[in-house]
Structure formats: C-alpha cells, structure tokens
C-alpha cells in the first residue's frame, strides 16, 4: 500500500525530468548542458541530441576537482566553472540547461551560476 519514500522521490524526479526533456533538446549550435547528482558526487555533460553524442563531460571525481576543499556546493561551483572553461575552448558558447528533474537549488544552482559566470550563455 505505502510506497517507499525514496522510491516516490525517484519517480517524481523522473517525471519532472521527462517534462523538461520534452521541451529541451540540444542541437549542434546549442547543445544541452545536463546535470546529474548523486549523494556524494555531481556530474555535468554537454550533449548534442541530434547526433546523440556527448561533446564534453566533467564530474567531481575529475583530478582537478578531487582535492577541492569545502562543502559539496563549493565543489559543484568549481565543476560549473571547469566545464564552462572547457566548453569555451571547444567553441561552445550557448547551451540549453537541463537540470535533470532536480530542483534549481543547492548544488544544481551552484553549477549553473558558476558556468554562467565563466562565460556560458543559457
């Protein structure tokens, strides 16, 4: 009768993500910048949905971020800055932000704002 609380939370996040993905799709000119978070780490990638290829990916497990000090939010902000710098090196300036069904709060917000400050437009 009663569903497990974490299962319900996972299902509602997935439903939010599907609603977002109906509208947000990445192209070669404006790829999709998607964020995924786990309990301990955060992952970000830039995807071209027309070809189905990942153009760039960074996670908090990257050597540049592995020794980052501070809270998970601070590490997330460093990740946003790093992926934006790498995207600009590849010539990617405009992206579509896909928060992955997560609320725009905390670590997801830190990634997005740091990427914006580093030069990505979305």
PDB file of N, CA and C in Angstrom:
ATOM      1  N   UNK A   1       0.810  -1.189   0.000  1.00  0.00           N
ATOM      2  CA  UNK A   1       0.000   0.000   0.000  1.00  0.00           C
ATOM      3  C   UNK A   1       0.860   1.262   0.000  1.00  0.00           C
ATOM      4  N   UNK A   2       1.692   1.416   1.002  1.00  0.00           N
ATOM      5  CA  UNK A   2       2.517   2.608   1.103  1.00  0.00           C
ATOM      6  C   UNK A   2       3.834   2.375   0.376  1.00  0.00           C
ATOM      7  N   UNK A   3       4.131   3.264  -0.545  1.00  0.00           N
ATOM      8  CA  UNK A   3       5.369   3.165  -1.300  1.00  0.00           C
ATOM      9  C   UNK A   3       6.528   3.660  -0.449  1.00  0.00           C
ATOM     10  N   UNK A   4       7.676   3.123  -0.723  1.00  0.00           N
ATOM     11  CA  UNK A   4       8.879   3.570  -0.052  1.00  0.00           C
ATOM     12  C   UNK A   4       9.122   5.037  -0.413  1.00  0.00           C
ATOM     13  N   UNK A   5       9.484   5.852   0.560  1.00  0.00           N
ATOM     14  CA  UNK A   5       9.635   7.291   0.354  1.00  0.00           C
ATOM     15  C   UNK A   5      10.689   7.616  -0.710  1.00  0.00           C
ATOM     16  N   UNK A   6      11.804   6.897  -0.706  1.00  0.00           N
ATOM     17  CA  UNK A   6      12.846   7.168  -1.696  1.00  0.00           C
ATOM     18  C   UNK A   6      12.389   6.776  -3.097  1.00  0.00           C
ATOM     19  N   UNK A   7      11.557   5.742  -3.188  1.00  0.00           N
ATOM     20  CA  UNK A   7      11.038   5.324  -4.493  1.00  0.00           C
ATOM     21  C   UNK A   7      10.106   6.393  -5.067  1.00  0.00           C
ATOM     22  N   UNK A   8       9.265   6.960  -4.234  1.00  0.00           N
ATOM     23  CA  UNK A   8       8.356   8.024  -4.664  1.00  0.00           C
ATOM     24  C   UNK A   8       9.157   9.248  -5.088  1.00  0.00           C
ATOM     25  N   UNK A   9      10.174   9.588  -4.335  1.00  0.00           N
ATOM     26  CA  UNK A   9      11.017  10.738  -4.653  1.00  0.00           C
ATOM     27  C   UNK A   9      11.701  10.542  -6.010  1.00  0.00           C
ATOM     28  N   UNK A  10      12.182   9.320  -6.249  1.00  0.00           N
ATOM     29  CA  UNK A  10      12.834   8.997  -7.511  1.00  0.00           C
ATOM     30  C   UNK A  10      11.847   9.092  -8.680  1.00  0.00           C
ATOM     31  N   UNK A  11      10.626   8.609  -8.465  1.00  0.00           N
ATOM     32  CA  UNK A  11       9.612   8.647  -9.513  1.00  0.00           C
ATOM     33  C   UNK A  11       9.193  10.074  -9.848  1.00  0.00           C
ATOM     34  N   UNK A  12       9.049  10.920  -8.841  1.00  0.00           N
ATOM     35  CA  UNK A  12       8.653  12.303  -9.111  1.00  0.00           C
ATOM     36  C   UNK A  12       9.773  13.066  -9.817  1.00  0.00           C
ATOM     37  N   UNK A  13      11.023  12.789  -9.459  1.00  0.00           N
ATOM     38  CA  UNK A  13      12.149  13.420 -10.148  1.00  0.00           C
ATOM     39  C   UNK A  13      12.170  12.987 -11.604  1.00  0.00           C
ATOM     40  N   UNK A  14      11.932  11.712 -11.844  1.00  0.00           N
ATOM     41  CA  UNK A  14      11.921  11.201 -13.219  1.00  0.00           C
ATOM     42  C   UNK A  14      10.793  11.837 -14.031  1.00  0.00           C
ATOM     43  N   UNK A  15       9.634  12.025 -13.418  1.00  0.00           N
ATOM     44  CA  UNK A  15       8.513  12.674 -14.109  1.00  0.00           C
ATOM     45  C   UNK A  15       8.856  14.124 -14.450  1.00  0.00           C
ATOM     46  N   UNK A  16       9.489  14.845 -13.513  1.00  0.00           N
ATOM     47  CA  UNK A  16       9.914  16.220 -13.786  1.00  0.00           C
ATOM     48  C   UNK A  16      10.926  16.244 -14.927  1.00  0.00           C
ATOM     49  N   UNK A  17      11.849  15.292 -14.907  1.00  0.00           N
ATOM     50  CA  UNK A  17      12.882  15.225 -15.936  1.00  0.00           C
ATOM     51  C   UNK A  17      12.265  14.984 -17.315  1.00  0.00           C
ATOM     52  N   UNK A  18      11.275  14.106 -17.394  1.00  0.00           N
ATOM     53  CA  UNK A  18      10.613  13.844 -18.673  1.00  0.00           C
ATOM     54  C   UNK A  18       9.879  15.082 -19.187  1.00  0.00           C
ATOM     55  N   UNK A  19       9.270  15.842 -18.286  1.00  0.00           N
ATOM     56  CA  UNK A  19       8.601  17.085 -18.692  1.00  0.00           C
ATOM     57  C   UNK A  19       9.607  18.088 -19.258  1.00  0.00           C
ATOM     58  N   UNK A  20      10.759  18.177 -18.619  1.00  0.00           N
ATOM     59  CA  UNK A  20      11.800  19.093 -19.071  1.00  0.00           C
ATOM     60  C   UNK A  20      12.339  18.649 -20.432  1.00  0.00           C
ATOM     61  N   UNK A  21      12.568  17.351 -20.586  1.00  0.00           N
ATOM     62  CA  UNK A  21      13.173  16.840 -21.817  1.00  0.00           C
ATOM     63  C   UNK A  21      12.246  16.938 -23.024  1.00  0.00           C
ATOM     64  N   UNK A  22      10.941  17.077 -22.789  1.00  0.00           N
ATOM     65  CA  UNK A  22      10.025  17.280 -23.909  1.00  0.00           C
ATOM     66  C   UNK A  22      10.335  18.594 -24.611  1.00  0.00           C
ATOM     67  N   UNK A  23      10.742  19.597 -23.837  1.00  0.00           N
ATOM     68  CA  UNK A  23      10.996  20.923 -24.375  1.00  0.00           C
ATOM     69  C   UNK A  23      12.467  21.172 -24.675  1.00  0.00           C
ATOM     70  N   UNK A  24      13.365  20.649 -23.863  1.00  0.00           N
ATOM     71  CA  UNK A  24      14.791  20.945 -24.000  1.00  0.00           C
ATOM     72  C   UNK A  24      15.495  19.859 -24.806  1.00  0.00           C
ATOM     73  N   UNK A  25      16.031  20.264 -25.938  1.00  0.00           N
ATOM     74  CA  UNK A  25      16.786  19.335 -26.771  1.00  0.00           C
ATOM     75  C   UNK A  25      18.007  20.069 -27.290  1.00  0.00           C
ATOM     76  N   UNK A  26      19.135  19.399 -27.306  1.00  0.00           N
ATOM     77  CA  UNK A  26      20.374  20.027 -27.737  1.00  0.00           C
ATOM     78  C   UNK A  26      20.622  19.850 -29.220  1.00  0.00           C
ATOM     79  N   UNK A  27      21.127  20.888 -29.836  1.00  0.00           N
ATOM     80  CA  UNK A  27      21.492  20.833 -31.246  1.00  0.00           C
ATOM     81  C   UNK A  27      22.987  21.104 -31.367  1.00  0.00           C
ATOM     82  N   UNK A  28      23.492  21.063 -32.579  1.00  0.00           N
ATOM     83  CA  UNK A  28      24.912  21.337 -32.788  1.00  0.00           C
ATOM     84  C   UNK A  28      25.237  22.791 -32.440  1.00  0.00           C
ATOM     85  N   UNK A  29      24.290  23.707 -32.745  1.00  0.00           N
ATOM     86  CA  UNK A  29      24.527  25.121 -32.451  1.00  0.00           C
ATOM     87  C   UNK A  29      24.334  25.433 -30.971  1.00  0.00           C
ATOM     88  N   UNK A  30      23.412  24.733 -30.346  1.00  0.00           N
ATOM     89  CA  UNK A  30      23.087  24.987 -28.939  1.00  0.00           C
ATOM     90  C   UNK A  30      22.885  23.651 -28.230  1.00  0.00           C
ATOM     91  N   UNK A  31      23.982  23.001 -27.792  1.00  0.00           N
ATOM     92  CA  UNK A  31      23.860  21.686 -27.157  1.00  0.00           C
ATOM     93  C   UNK A  31      23.235  21.763 -25.761  1.00  0.00           C
ATOM     94  N   UNK A  32      22.842  20.616 -25.261  1.00  0.00           N
ATOM     95  CA  UNK A  32      22.185  20.522 -23.955  1.00  0.00           C
ATOM     96  C   UNK A  32      23.243  20.327 -22.875  1.00  0.00           C
ATOM     97  N   UNK A  33      23.164  21.155 -21.840  1.00  0.00           N
ATOM     98  CA  UNK A  33      24.066  21.099 -20.691  1.00  0.00           C
ATOM     99  C   UNK A  33      23.294  20.426 -19.559  1.00  0.00           C
ATOM    100  N   UNK A  34      23.564  19.143 -19.325  1.00  0.00           N
ATOM    101  CA  UNK A  34      22.778  18.414 -18.334  1.00  0.00           C
ATOM    102  C   UNK A  34      23.599  18.138 -17.077  1.00  0.00           C
ATOM    103  N   UNK A  35      22.890  18.132 -15.967  1.00  0.00           N
ATOM    104  CA  UNK A  35      23.490  17.940 -14.653  1.00  0.00           C
ATOM    105  C   UNK A  35      22.844  16.731 -13.998  1.00  0.00           C
ATOM    106  N   UNK A  36      23.676  15.910 -13.372  1.00  0.00           N
ATOM    107  CA  UNK A  36      23.171  14.782 -12.606  1.00  0.00           C
ATOM    108  C   UNK A  36      23.918  14.773 -11.285  1.00  0.00           C
ATOM    109  N   UNK A  37      23.195  14.519 -10.216  1.00  0.00           N
ATOM    110  CA  UNK A  37      23.865  14.487  -8.916  1.00  0.00           C
ATOM    111  C   UNK A  37      23.558  13.183  -8.204  1.00  0.00           C
ATOM    112  N   UNK A  38      24.525  12.742  -7.442  1.00  0.00           N
ATOM    113  CA  UNK A  38      24.335  11.592  -6.569  1.00  0.00           C
ATOM    114  C   UNK A  38      24.519  12.086  -5.143  1.00  0.00           C
ATOM    115  N   UNK A  39      24.522  11.197  -4.226  1.00  0.00           N
ATOM    116  CA  UNK A  39      24.634  11.600  -2.834  1.00  0.00           C
ATOM    117  C   UNK A  39      25.959  12.298  -2.546  1.00  0.00           C
ATOM    118  N   UNK A  40      27.046  11.799  -3.156  1.00  0.00           N
ATOM    119  CA  UNK A  40      28.369  12.344  -2.860  1.00  0.00           C
ATOM    120  C   UNK A  40      28.995  13.138  -3.998  1.00  0.00           C
ATOM    121  N   UNK A  41      28.599  12.887  -5.234  1.00  0.00           N
ATOM    122  CA  UNK A  41      29.249  13.498  -6.382  1.00  0.00           C
ATOM    123  C   UNK A  41      28.237  14.192  -7.272  1.00  0.00           C
ATOM    124  N   UNK A  42      28.772  14.968  -8.218  1.00  0.00           N
ATOM    125  CA  UNK A  42      27.932  15.651  -9.196  1.00  0.00           C
ATOM    126  C   UNK A  42      28.611  15.522 -10.557  1.00  0.00           C
ATOM    127  N   UNK A  43      27.800  15.366 -11.581  1.00  0.00           N
ATOM    128  CA  UNK A  43      28.284  15.120 -12.932  1.00  0.00           C
ATOM    129  C   UNK A  43      27.617  16.125 -13.863  1.00  0.00           C
ATOM    130  N   UNK A  44      28.355  16.597 -14.861  1.00  0.00           N
ATOM    131  CA  UNK A  44      27.798  17.514 -15.854  1.00  0.00           C
ATOM    132  C   UNK A  44      28.348  17.125 -17.212  1.00  0.00           C
ATOM    133  N   UNK A  45      27.487  17.227 -18.220  1.00  0.00           N
ATOM    134  CA  UNK A  45      27.951  16.959 -19.568  1.00  0.00           C
ATOM    135  C   UNK A  45      27.214  17.829 -20.563  1.00  0.00           C
ATOM    136  N   UNK A  46      27.843  18.010 -21.705  1.00  0.00           N
ATOM    137  CA  UNK A  46      27.257  18.778 -22.789  1.00  0.00           C
ATOM    138  C   UNK A  46      27.011  17.801 -23.928  1.00  0.00           C
ATOM    139  N   UNK A  47      25.733  17.725 -24.366  1.00  0.00           N
ATOM    140  CA  UNK A  47      25.301  16.699 -25.298  1.00  0.00           C
ATOM    141  C   UNK A  47      24.677  17.320 -26.538  1.00  0.00           C
ATOM    142  N   UNK A  48      25.018  16.774 -27.691  1.00  0.00           N
ATOM    143  CA  UNK A  48      24.349  17.120 -28.951  1.00  0.00           C
ATOM    144  C   UNK A  48      23.324  16.022 -29.205  1.00  0.00           C
ATOM    145  N   UNK A  49      22.042  16.333 -29.028  1.00  0.00           N
ATOM    146  CA  UNK A  49      20.993  15.327 -29.151  1.00  0.00           C
ATOM    147  C   UNK A  49      20.696  14.934 -30.593  1.00  0.00           C
ATOM    148  N   UNK A  50      21.064  15.765 -31.553  1.00  0.00           N
ATOM    149  CA  UNK A  50      20.798  15.411 -32.948  1.00  0.00           C
ATOM    150  C   UNK A  50      21.670  14.243 -33.389  1.00  0.00           C
ATOM    151  N   UNK A  51      22.908  14.197 -32.901  1.00  0.00           N
ATOM    152  CA  UNK A  51      23.799  13.077 -33.231  1.00  0.00           C
ATOM    153  C   UNK A  51      23.851  12.049 -32.107  1.00  0.00           C
ATOM    154  N   UNK A  52      23.347  12.426 -30.935  1.00  0.00           N
ATOM    155  CA  UNK A  52      23.369  11.501 -29.805  1.00  0.00           C
ATOM    156  C   UNK A  52      24.743  11.329 -29.195  1.00  0.00           C
ATOM    157  N   UNK A  53      25.567  12.367 -29.279  1.00  0.00           N
ATOM    158  CA  UNK A  53      26.930  12.274 -28.769  1.00  0.00           C
ATOM    159  C   UNK A  53      27.171  13.248 -27.631  1.00  0.00           C
ATOM    160  N   UNK A  54      27.979  12.811 -26.693  1.00  0.00           N
ATOM    161  CA  UNK A  54      28.405  13.670 -25.602  1.00  0.00           C
ATOM    162  C   UNK A  54      29.639  14.434 -26.066  1.00  0.00           C
ATOM    163  N   UNK A  55      29.559  15.747 -26.051  1.00  0.00           N
ATOM    164  CA  UNK A  55      30.659  16.578 -26.526  1.00  0.00           C
ATOM    165  C   UNK A  55      31.707  16.820 -25.450  1.00  0.00           C
ATOM    166  N   UNK A  56      31.242  16.845 -24.201  1.00  0.00           N
ATOM    167  CA  UNK A  56      32.131  17.185 -23.095  1.00  0.00           C
ATOM    168  C   UNK A  56      31.517  16.700 -21.800  1.00  0.00           C
ATOM    169  N   UNK A  57      32.335  16.168 -20.915  1.00  0.00           N
ATOM    170  CA  UNK A  57      31.812  15.741 -19.623  1.00  0.00           C
ATOM    171  C   UNK A  57      32.846  15.961 -18.531  1.00  0.00           C
ATOM    172  N   UNK A  58      32.340  16.322 -17.360  1.00  0.00           N
ATOM    173  CA  UNK A  58      33.180  16.568 -16.192  1.00  0.00           C
ATOM    174  C   UNK A  58      32.417  16.079 -14.974  1.00  0.00           C
ATOM    175  N   UNK A  59      33.125  15.537 -14.012  1.00  0.00           N
ATOM    176  CA  UNK A  59      32.483  15.147 -12.761  1.00  0.00           C
ATOM    177  C   UNK A  59      33.334  15.612 -11.592  1.00  0.00           C
ATOM    178  N   UNK A  60      32.769  15.526 -10.419  1.00  0.00           N
ATOM    179  CA  UNK A  60      33.516  15.924  -9.227  1.00  0.00           C
ATOM    180  C   UNK A  60      34.618  14.919  -8.913  1.00  0.00           C
ATOM    181  N   UNK A  61      34.673  13.823  -9.656  1.00  0.00           N
ATOM    182  CA  UNK A  61      35.741  12.838  -9.500  1.00  0.00           C
ATOM    183  C   UNK A  61      36.948  13.158 -10.380  1.00  0.00           C
ATOM    184  N   UNK A  62      36.864  14.211 -11.181  1.00  0.00           N
ATOM    185  CA  UNK A  62      37.966  14.607 -12.055  1.00  0.00           C
ATOM    186  C   UNK A  62      39.190  14.970 -11.214  1.00  0.00           C
ATOM    187  N   UNK A  63      40.380  14.721 -11.742  1.00  0.00           N
ATOM    188  CA  UNK A  63      41.598  15.024 -10.964  1.00  0.00           C
ATOM    189  C   UNK A  63      41.685  16.476 -10.510  1.00  0.00           C
ATOM    190  N   UNK A  64      41.168  17.413 -11.321  1.00  0.00           N
ATOM    191  CA  UNK A  64      41.227  18.826 -10.947  1.00  0.00           C
ATOM    192  C   UNK A  64      40.342  19.139  -9.756  1.00  0.00           C
ATOM    193  N   UNK A  65      39.286  18.359  -9.581  1.00  0.00           N
ATOM    194  CA  UNK A  65      38.311  18.642  -8.517  1.00  0.00           C
ATOM    195  C   UNK A  65      38.389  17.671  -7.348  1.00  0.00           C
ATOM    196  N   UNK A  66      39.150  16.615  -7.511  1.00  0.00           N
ATOM    197  CA  UNK A  66      39.193  15.579  -6.475  1.00  0.00           C
ATOM    198  C   UNK A  66      39.713  16.121  -5.140  1.00  0.00           C
ATOM    199  N   UNK A  67      40.640  17.062  -5.214  1.00  0.00           N
ATOM    200  CA  UNK A  67      41.230  17.605  -3.986  1.00  0.00           C
ATOM    201  C   UNK A  67      40.586  18.922  -3.568  1.00  0.00           C
ATOM    202  N   UNK A  68      39.444  19.255  -4.170  1.00  0.00           N
ATOM    203  CA  UNK A  68      38.778  20.523  -3.843  1.00  0.00           C
ATOM    204  C   UNK A  68      38.293  20.505  -2.396  1.00  0.00           C
ATOM    205  N   UNK A  69      38.528  21.605  -1.746  1.00  0.00           N
ATOM    206  CA  UNK A  69      38.142  21.731  -0.345  1.00  0.00           C
ATOM    207  C   UNK A  69      36.757  22.339  -0.241  1.00  0.00           C
ATOM    208  N   UNK A  70      36.120  22.122   0.872  1.00  0.00           N
ATOM    209  CA  UNK A  70      34.852  22.776   1.140  1.00  0.00           C
ATOM    210  C   UNK A  70      33.668  21.852   0.978  1.00  0.00           C
ATOM    211  N   UNK A  71      32.503  22.446   1.070  1.00  0.00           N
ATOM    212  CA  UNK A  71      31.256  21.700   1.005  1.00  0.00           C
ATOM    213  C   UNK A  71      30.985  21.240  -0.424  1.00  0.00           C
ATOM    214  N   UNK A  72      29.994  20.364  -0.574  1.00  0.00           N
ATOM    215  CA  UNK A  72      29.632  19.848  -1.884  1.00  0.00           C
ATOM    216  C   UNK A  72      29.164  20.963  -2.812  1.00  0.00           C
ATOM    217  N   UNK A  73      28.571  22.004  -2.268  1.00  0.00           N
ATOM    218  CA  UNK A  73      28.122  23.131  -3.083  1.00  0.00           C
ATOM    219  C   UNK A  73      29.321  23.877  -3.675  1.00  0.00           C
ATOM    220  N   UNK A  74      30.385  24.017  -2.897  1.00  0.00           N
ATOM    221  CA  UNK A  74      31.592  24.685  -3.395  1.00  0.00           C
ATOM    222  C   UNK A  74      32.256  23.861  -4.493  1.00  0.00           C
ATOM    223  N   UNK A  75      32.272  22.555  -4.333  1.00  0.00           N
ATOM    224  CA  UNK A  75      32.829  21.667  -5.355  1.00  0.00           C
ATOM    225  C   UNK A  75      31.981  21.750  -6.623  1.00  0.00           C
ATOM    226  N   UNK A  76      30.669  21.849  -6.456  1.00  0.00           N
ATOM    227  CA  UNK A  76      29.764  21.967  -7.601  1.00  0.00           C
ATOM    228  C   UNK A  76      30.015  23.258  -8.371  1.00  0.00           C
ATOM    229  N   UNK A  77      30.268  24.330  -7.657  1.00  0.00           N
ATOM    230  CA  UNK A  77      30.570  25.602  -8.311  1.00  0.00           C
ATOM    231  C   UNK A  77      31.879  25.504  -9.089  1.00  0.00           C
ATOM    232  N   UNK A  78      32.869  24.836  -8.527  1.00  0.00           N
ATOM    233  CA  UNK A  78      34.139  24.639  -9.233  1.00  0.00           C
ATOM    234  C   UNK A  78      33.930  23.786 -10.481  1.00  0.00           C
ATOM    235  N   UNK A  79      33.040  22.815 -10.403  1.00  0.00           N
ATOM    236  CA  UNK A  79      32.721  21.966 -11.550  1.00  0.00           C
ATOM    237  C   UNK A  79      32.064  22.793 -12.654  1.00  0.00           C
ATOM    238  N   UNK A  80      31.141  23.670 -12.291  1.00  0.00           N
ATOM    239  CA  UNK A  80      30.490  24.530 -13.275  1.00  0.00           C
ATOM    240  C   UNK A  80      31.484  25.431 -13.990  1.00  0.00           C
ATOM    241  N   UNK A  81      32.417  25.975 -13.250  1.00  0.00           N
ATOM    242  CA  UNK A  81      33.443  26.825 -13.843  1.00  0.00           C
ATOM    243  C   UNK A  81      34.337  26.027 -14.780  1.00  0.00           C
ATOM    244  N   UNK A  82      34.717  24.817 -14.364  1.00  0.00           N
ATOM    245  CA  UNK A  82      35.601  23.972 -15.164  1.00  0.00           C
ATOM    246  C   UNK A  82      34.941  23.549 -16.474  1.00  0.00           C
ATOM    247  N   UNK A  83      33.686  23.120 -16.410  1.00  0.00           N
ATOM    248  CA  UNK A  83      33.024  22.681 -17.648  1.00  0.00           C
ATOM    249  C   UNK A  83      32.792  23.854 -18.590  1.00  0.00           C
ATOM    250  N   UNK A  84      32.535  25.041 -18.052  1.00  0.00           N
ATOM    251  CA  UNK A  84      32.360  26.218 -18.899  1.00  0.00           C
ATOM    252  C   UNK A  84      33.664  26.580 -19.602  1.00  0.00           C
ATOM    253  N   UNK A  85      34.774  26.510 -18.884  1.00  0.00           N
ATOM    254  CA  UNK A  85      36.071  26.816 -19.489  1.00  0.00           C
ATOM    255  C   UNK A  85      36.383  25.839 -20.612  1.00  0.00           C
ATOM    256  N   UNK A  86      36.122  24.544 -20.361  1.00  0.00           N
ATOM    257  CA  UNK A  86      36.391  23.535 -21.393  1.00  0.00           C
ATOM    258  C   UNK A  86      35.450  23.691 -22.588  1.00  0.00           C
ATOM    259  N   UNK A  87      34.220  24.086 -22.338  1.00  0.00           N
ATOM    260  CA  UNK A  87      33.264  24.295 -23.430  1.00  0.00           C
ATOM    261  C   UNK A  87      33.694  25.475 -24.289  1.00  0.00           C
ATOM    262  N   UNK A  88      34.137  26.547 -23.661  1.00  0.00           N
ATOM    263  CA  UNK A  88      34.583  27.718 -24.413  1.00  0.00           C
ATOM    264  C   UNK A  88      35.820  27.390 -25.249  1.00  0.00           C
ATOM    265  N   UNK A  89      36.695  26.510 -24.735  1.00  0.00           N
ATOM    266  CA  UNK A  89      37.855  26.068 -25.503  1.00  0.00           C
ATOM    267  C   UNK A  89      37.429  25.321 -26.765  1.00  0.00           C
ATOM    268  N   UNK A  90      36.335  24.569 -26.678  1.00  0.00           N
ATOM    269  CA  UNK A  90      35.822  23.817 -27.827  1.00  0.00           C
ATOM    270  C   UNK A  90      34.929  24.662 -28.726  1.00  0.00           C
ATOM    271  N   UNK A  91      34.705  25.904 -28.363  1.00  0.00           N
ATOM    272  CA  UNK A  91      33.897  26.792 -29.184  1.00  0.00           C
ATOM    273  C   UNK A  91      32.410  26.744 -28.881  1.00  0.00           C
ATOM    274  N   UNK A  92      32.038  26.193 -27.743  1.00  0.00           N
ATOM    275  CA  UNK A  92      30.628  26.127 -27.339  1.00  0.00           C
ATOM    276  C   UNK A  92      30.359  27.301 -26.413  1.00  0.00           C
ATOM    277  N   UNK A  93      29.462  28.203 -26.833  1.00  0.00           N
ATOM    278  CA  UNK A  93      29.155  29.381 -26.015  1.00  0.00           C
ATOM    279  C   UNK A  93      27.725  29.361 -25.499  1.00  0.00           C
ATOM    280  N   UNK A  94      26.783  28.878 -26.336  1.00  0.00           N
ATOM    281  CA  UNK A  94      25.374  28.851 -25.952  1.00  0.00           C
ATOM    282  C   UNK A  94      24.936  27.417 -25.735  1.00  0.00           C
ATOM    283  N   UNK A  95      24.227  27.188 -24.634  1.00  0.00           N
ATOM    284  CA  UNK A  95      23.727  25.855 -24.297  1.00  0.00           C
ATOM    285  C   UNK A  95      22.287  25.959 -23.803  1.00  0.00           C
ATOM    286  N   UNK A  96      21.636  24.806 -23.747  1.00  0.00           N
ATOM    287  CA  UNK A  96      20.309  24.679 -23.146  1.00  0.00           C
ATOM    288  C   UNK A  96      20.526  23.963 -21.822  1.00  0.00           C
ATOM    289  N   UNK A  97      20.093  24.541 -20.729  1.00  0.00           N
ATOM    290  CA  UNK A  97      20.329  23.931 -19.416  1.00  0.00           C
ATOM    291  C   UNK A  97      19.261  22.899 -19.097  1.00  0.00           C
ATOM    292  N   UNK A  98      19.707  21.695 -18.743  1.00  0.00           N
ATOM    293  CA  UNK A  98      18.825  20.593 -18.352  1.00  0.00           C
ATOM    294  C   UNK A  98      19.180  20.227 -16.919  1.00  0.00           C
ATOM    295  N   UNK A  99      18.317  20.592 -15.996  1.00  0.00           N
ATOM    296  CA  UNK A  99      18.600  20.341 -14.582  1.00  0.00           C
ATOM    297  C   UNK A  99      18.296  18.909 -14.176  1.00  0.00           C
ATOM    298  N   UNK A 100      17.830  18.088 -15.092  1.00  0.00           N
ATOM    299  CA  UNK A 100      17.661  16.658 -14.836  1.00  0.00           C
ATOM    300  C   UNK A 100      16.538  16.317 -13.887  1.00  0.00           C
ATOM    301  N   UNK A 101      15.557  17.177 -13.771  1.00  0.00           N
ATOM    302  CA  UNK A 101      14.456  16.902 -12.856  1.00  0.00           C
ATOM    303  C   UNK A 101      14.728  17.333 -11.431  1.00  0.00           C
ATOM    304  N   UNK A 102      15.945  17.762 -11.157  1.00  0.00           N
ATOM    305  CA  UNK A 102      16.278  18.240  -9.815  1.00  0.00           C
ATOM    306  C   UNK A 102      15.771  19.672  -9.678  1.00  0.00           C
ATOM    307  N   UNK A 103      15.467  20.072  -8.472  1.00  0.00           N
ATOM    308  CA  UNK A 103      15.053  21.445  -8.234  1.00  0.00           C
ATOM    309  C   UNK A 103      16.234  22.380  -8.462  1.00  0.00           C
ATOM    310  N   UNK A 104      15.973  23.573  -8.959  1.00  0.00           N
ATOM    311  CA  UNK A 104      17.027  24.552  -9.194  1.00  0.00           C
ATOM    312  C   UNK A 104      17.388  25.177  -7.857  1.00  0.00           C
ATOM    313  N   UNK A 105      18.191  24.447  -7.115  1.00  0.00           N
ATOM    314  CA  UNK A 105      18.522  24.824  -5.751  1.00  0.00           C
ATOM    315  C   UNK A 105      19.792  24.093  -5.360  1.00  0.00           C
ATOM    316  N   UNK A 106      20.582  24.666  -4.484  1.00  0.00           N
ATOM    317  CA  UNK A 106      21.744  23.985  -3.937  1.00  0.00           C
ATOM    318  C   UNK A 106      22.828  23.723  -4.964  1.00  0.00           C
ATOM    319  N   UNK A 107      23.213  22.451  -5.089  1.00  0.00           N
ATOM    320  CA  UNK A 107      24.330  22.085  -5.958  1.00  0.00           C
ATOM    321  C   UNK A 107      24.041  22.322  -7.432  1.00  0.00           C
ATOM    322  N   UNK A 108      22.812  22.058  -7.870  1.00  0.00           N
ATOM    323  CA  UNK A 108      22.446  22.269  -9.269  1.00  0.00           C
ATOM    324  C   UNK A 108      22.523  23.759  -9.604  1.00  0.00           C
ATOM    325  N   UNK A 109      22.035  24.587  -8.708  1.00  0.00           N
ATOM    326  CA  UNK A 109      22.091  26.031  -8.902  1.00  0.00           C
ATOM    327  C   UNK A 109      23.539  26.520  -8.899  1.00  0.00           C
ATOM    328  N   UNK A 110      24.380  25.946  -8.046  1.00  0.00           N
ATOM    329  CA  UNK A 110      25.783  26.346  -7.978  1.00  0.00           C
ATOM    330  C   UNK A 110      26.501  26.039  -9.288  1.00  0.00           C
ATOM    331  N   UNK A 111      26.222  24.888  -9.880  1.00  0.00           N
ATOM    332  CA  UNK A 111      26.828  24.533 -11.168  1.00  0.00           C
ATOM    333  C   UNK A 111      26.394  25.529 -12.234  1.00  0.00           C
ATOM    334  N   UNK A 112      25.098  25.803 -12.306  1.00  0.00           N
ATOM    335  CA  UNK A 112      24.563  26.688 -13.339  1.00  0.00           C
ATOM    336  C   UNK A 112      25.114  28.107 -13.212  1.00  0.00           C
ATOM    337  N   UNK A 113      25.117  28.650 -12.016  1.00  0.00           N
ATOM    338  CA  UNK A 113      25.577  30.024 -11.835  1.00  0.00           C
ATOM    339  C   UNK A 113      27.070  30.164 -12.089  1.00  0.00           C
ATOM    340  N   UNK A 114      27.855  29.164 -11.687  1.00  0.00           N
ATOM    341  CA  UNK A 114      29.295  29.217 -11.936  1.00  0.00           C
ATOM    342  C   UNK A 114      29.588  29.116 -13.428  1.00  0.00           C
ATOM    343  N   UNK A 115      28.817  28.300 -14.137  1.00  0.00           N
ATOM    344  CA  UNK A 115      29.001  28.175 -15.589  1.00  0.00           C
ATOM    345  C   UNK A 115      28.638  29.484 -16.289  1.00  0.00           C
ATOM    346  N   UNK A 116      27.580  30.132 -15.819  1.00  0.00           N
ATOM    347  CA  UNK A 116      27.190  31.429 -16.391  1.00  0.00           C
ATOM    348  C   UNK A 116      28.268  32.475 -16.164  1.00  0.00           C
ATOM    349  N   UNK A 117      28.808  32.513 -14.944  1.00  0.00           N
ATOM    350  CA  UNK A 117      29.851  33.481 -14.622  1.00  0.00           C
ATOM    351  C   UNK A 117      31.116  33.249 -15.439  1.00  0.00           C
ATOM    352  N   UNK A 118      31.383  31.973 -15.776  1.00  0.00           N
ATOM    353  CA  UNK A 118      32.584  31.637 -16.545  1.00  0.00           C
ATOM    354  C   UNK A 118      32.411  31.888 -18.043  1.00  0.00           C
ATOM    355  N   UNK A 119      31.170  32.228 -18.481  1.00  0.00           N
ATOM    356  CA  UNK A 119      31.003  32.611 -19.870  1.00  0.00           C
ATOM    357  C   UNK A 119      29.989  31.846 -20.690  1.00  0.00           C
ATOM    358  N   UNK A 120      29.401  30.778 -20.167  1.00  0.00           N
ATOM    359  CA  UNK A 120      28.365  30.060 -20.918  1.00  0.00           C
ATOM    360  C   UNK A 120      27.082  30.866 -20.909  1.00  0.00           C
ATOM    361  N   UNK A 121      26.349  30.821 -22.008  1.00  0.00           N
ATOM    362  CA  UNK A 121      25.075  31.541 -22.103  1.00  0.00           C
ATOM    363  C   UNK A 121      23.929  30.547 -22.126  1.00  0.00           C
ATOM    364  N   UNK A 122      23.011  30.682 -21.176  1.00  0.00           N
ATOM    365  CA  UNK A 122      21.763  29.913 -21.176  1.00  0.00           C
ATOM    366  C   UNK A 122      20.736  30.583 -20.311  1.00  0.00           C
TER     367      UNK A 122
END
